[in-house]
């Protein structure tokens, strides 16, 4: 669940939550959590969109490369 954070143990997570509770207060903490969740979701969506565009461009480039090699238009060595 927290793979993007790294190696954070339960005590570190509790400390982060206590600090967030002190900073935001009990009334604003759910709103802050929702905002962070939405931002992370949008970031994931944008990064997956960019990743798919790059993969599509690479696959089109590979198709073009293999298409020219299979036509027999290879330069002669003589």
C-alpha atoms as a PDB file:
ATOM      1  CA  UNK A   1       0.000   0.000   0.000  1.00  0.00           C
ATOM      2  CA  UNK A   2       2.807   2.400   0.844  1.00  0.00           C
ATOM      3  CA  UNK A   3       5.262   1.177  -1.792  1.00  0.00           C
ATOM      4  CA  UNK A   4       5.924   4.687  -3.044  1.00  0.00           C
ATOM      5  CA  UNK A   5       7.123   5.842   0.392  1.00  0.00           C
ATOM      6  CA  UNK A   6       9.928   3.371   0.869  1.00  0.00           C
ATOM      7  CA  UNK A   7      10.920   1.666   4.087  1.00  0.00           C
ATOM      8  CA  UNK A   8       8.716   3.411   6.645  1.00  0.00           C
ATOM      9  CA  UNK A   9       7.902   1.355   9.694  1.00  0.00           C
ATOM     10  CA  UNK A  10       4.804   1.582  11.857  1.00  0.00           C
ATOM     11  CA  UNK A  11       6.387   3.979  14.391  1.00  0.00           C
ATOM     12  CA  UNK A  12       7.469   6.400  11.687  1.00  0.00           C
ATOM     13  CA  UNK A  13       3.993   6.304  10.172  1.00  0.00           C
ATOM     14  CA  UNK A  14       2.406   7.003  13.570  1.00  0.00           C
ATOM     15  CA  UNK A  15       4.795   9.926  14.071  1.00  0.00           C
ATOM     16  CA  UNK A  16       3.882  11.380  10.670  1.00  0.00           C
ATOM     17  CA  UNK A  17       0.169  11.042  11.441  1.00  0.00           C
ATOM     18  CA  UNK A  18       0.575  12.737  14.844  1.00  0.00           C
ATOM     19  CA  UNK A  19       2.487  15.631  13.271  1.00  0.00           C
ATOM     20  CA  UNK A  20      -0.184  15.982  10.575  1.00  0.00           C
ATOM     21  CA  UNK A  21      -2.880  15.983  13.269  1.00  0.00           C
ATOM     22  CA  UNK A  22      -1.058  18.744  15.145  1.00  0.00           C
ATOM     23  CA  UNK A  23      -0.527  20.834  11.998  1.00  0.00           C
ATOM     24  CA  UNK A  24      -3.961  20.473  10.393  1.00  0.00           C
ATOM     25  CA  UNK A  25      -6.120  19.775  13.432  1.00  0.00           C
ATOM     26  CA  UNK A  26      -8.865  17.162  13.681  1.00  0.00           C
ATOM     27  CA  UNK A  27     -11.326  19.134  11.524  1.00  0.00           C
ATOM     28  CA  UNK A  28      -9.068  19.732   8.539  1.00  0.00           C
ATOM     29  CA  UNK A  29      -7.234  16.395   8.554  1.00  0.00           C
ATOM     30  CA  UNK A  30      -9.868  14.468   6.521  1.00  0.00           C
ATOM     31  CA  UNK A  31      -9.997  17.267   3.950  1.00  0.00           C
ATOM     32  CA  UNK A  32      -6.209  17.310   3.688  1.00  0.00           C
ATOM     33  CA  UNK A  33      -6.180  13.527   3.250  1.00  0.00           C
ATOM     34  CA  UNK A  34      -8.750  13.721   0.473  1.00  0.00           C
ATOM     35  CA  UNK A  35      -6.796  16.446  -1.293  1.00  0.00           C
ATOM     36  CA  UNK A  36      -3.568  14.438  -1.070  1.00  0.00           C
ATOM     37  CA  UNK A  37      -5.384  11.331  -2.343  1.00  0.00           C
ATOM     38  CA  UNK A  38      -6.821  13.209  -5.315  1.00  0.00           C
ATOM     39  CA  UNK A  39      -3.416  14.693  -6.143  1.00  0.00           C
ATOM     40  CA  UNK A  40      -1.757  11.264  -6.003  1.00  0.00           C
ATOM     41  CA  UNK A  41      -4.495   9.765  -8.174  1.00  0.00           C
ATOM     42  CA  UNK A  42      -4.112  12.503 -10.770  1.00  0.00           C
ATOM     43  CA  UNK A  43      -0.324  12.085 -10.744  1.00  0.00           C
ATOM     44  CA  UNK A  44      -0.683   8.331 -11.307  1.00  0.00           C
ATOM     45  CA  UNK A  45      -3.132   8.930 -14.150  1.00  0.00           C
ATOM     46  CA  UNK A  46      -0.842  11.473 -15.813  1.00  0.00           C
ATOM     47  CA  UNK A  47       2.262   9.326 -15.441  1.00  0.00           C
ATOM     48  CA  UNK A  48       0.513   6.246 -16.838  1.00  0.00           C
ATOM     49  CA  UNK A  49      -0.720   8.335 -19.782  1.00  0.00           C
ATOM     50  CA  UNK A  50       2.803   9.534 -20.501  1.00  0.00           C
ATOM     51  CA  UNK A  51       4.138   5.995 -20.120  1.00  0.00           C
ATOM     52  CA  UNK A  52       1.592   4.629 -22.594  1.00  0.00           C
ATOM     53  CA  UNK A  53       2.419   7.379 -25.105  1.00  0.00           C
ATOM     54  CA  UNK A  54       6.132   6.579 -24.862  1.00  0.00           C
ATOM     55  CA  UNK A  55       5.490   2.844 -25.248  1.00  0.00           C
ATOM     56  CA  UNK A  56       3.284   3.526 -28.279  1.00  0.00           C
ATOM     57  CA  UNK A  57       5.957   5.720 -29.873  1.00  0.00           C
ATOM     58  CA  UNK A  58       8.635   3.082 -29.254  1.00  0.00           C
ATOM     59  CA  UNK A  59       6.479   0.312 -30.710  1.00  0.00           C
ATOM     60  CA  UNK A  60       5.724   2.417 -33.807  1.00  0.00           C
ATOM     61  CA  UNK A  61       9.419   3.150 -34.191  1.00  0.00           C
ATOM     62  CA  UNK A  62      10.250  -0.562 -33.885  1.00  0.00           C
ATOM     63  CA  UNK A  63       7.597  -1.398 -36.499  1.00  0.00           C
ATOM     64  CA  UNK A  64       9.110   1.145 -38.886  1.00  0.00           C
ATOM     65  CA  UNK A  65      12.609  -0.239 -38.303  1.00  0.00           C
ATOM     66  CA  UNK A  66      11.566  -3.846 -38.887  1.00  0.00           C
ATOM     67  CA  UNK A  67       9.498  -2.833 -41.913  1.00  0.00           C
ATOM     68  CA  UNK A  68      12.460  -1.272 -43.716  1.00  0.00           C
ATOM     69  CA  UNK A  69      14.772  -4.191 -42.909  1.00  0.00           C
ATOM     70  CA  UNK A  70      12.350  -6.811 -44.221  1.00  0.00           C
ATOM     71  CA  UNK A  71      11.909  -5.055 -47.605  1.00  0.00           C
ATOM     72  CA  UNK A  72      15.333  -6.182 -48.765  1.00  0.00           C
ATOM     73  CA  UNK A  73      16.632  -2.629 -49.138  1.00  0.00           C
ATOM     74  CA  UNK A  74      19.754  -3.372 -47.142  1.00  0.00           C
ATOM     75  CA  UNK A  75      22.835  -1.642 -48.584  1.00  0.00           C
ATOM     76  CA  UNK A  76      25.252  -3.890 -50.359  1.00  0.00           C
ATOM     77  CA  UNK A  77      28.778  -4.274 -49.045  1.00  0.00           C
ATOM     78  CA  UNK A  78      30.407  -4.102 -52.520  1.00  0.00           C
END
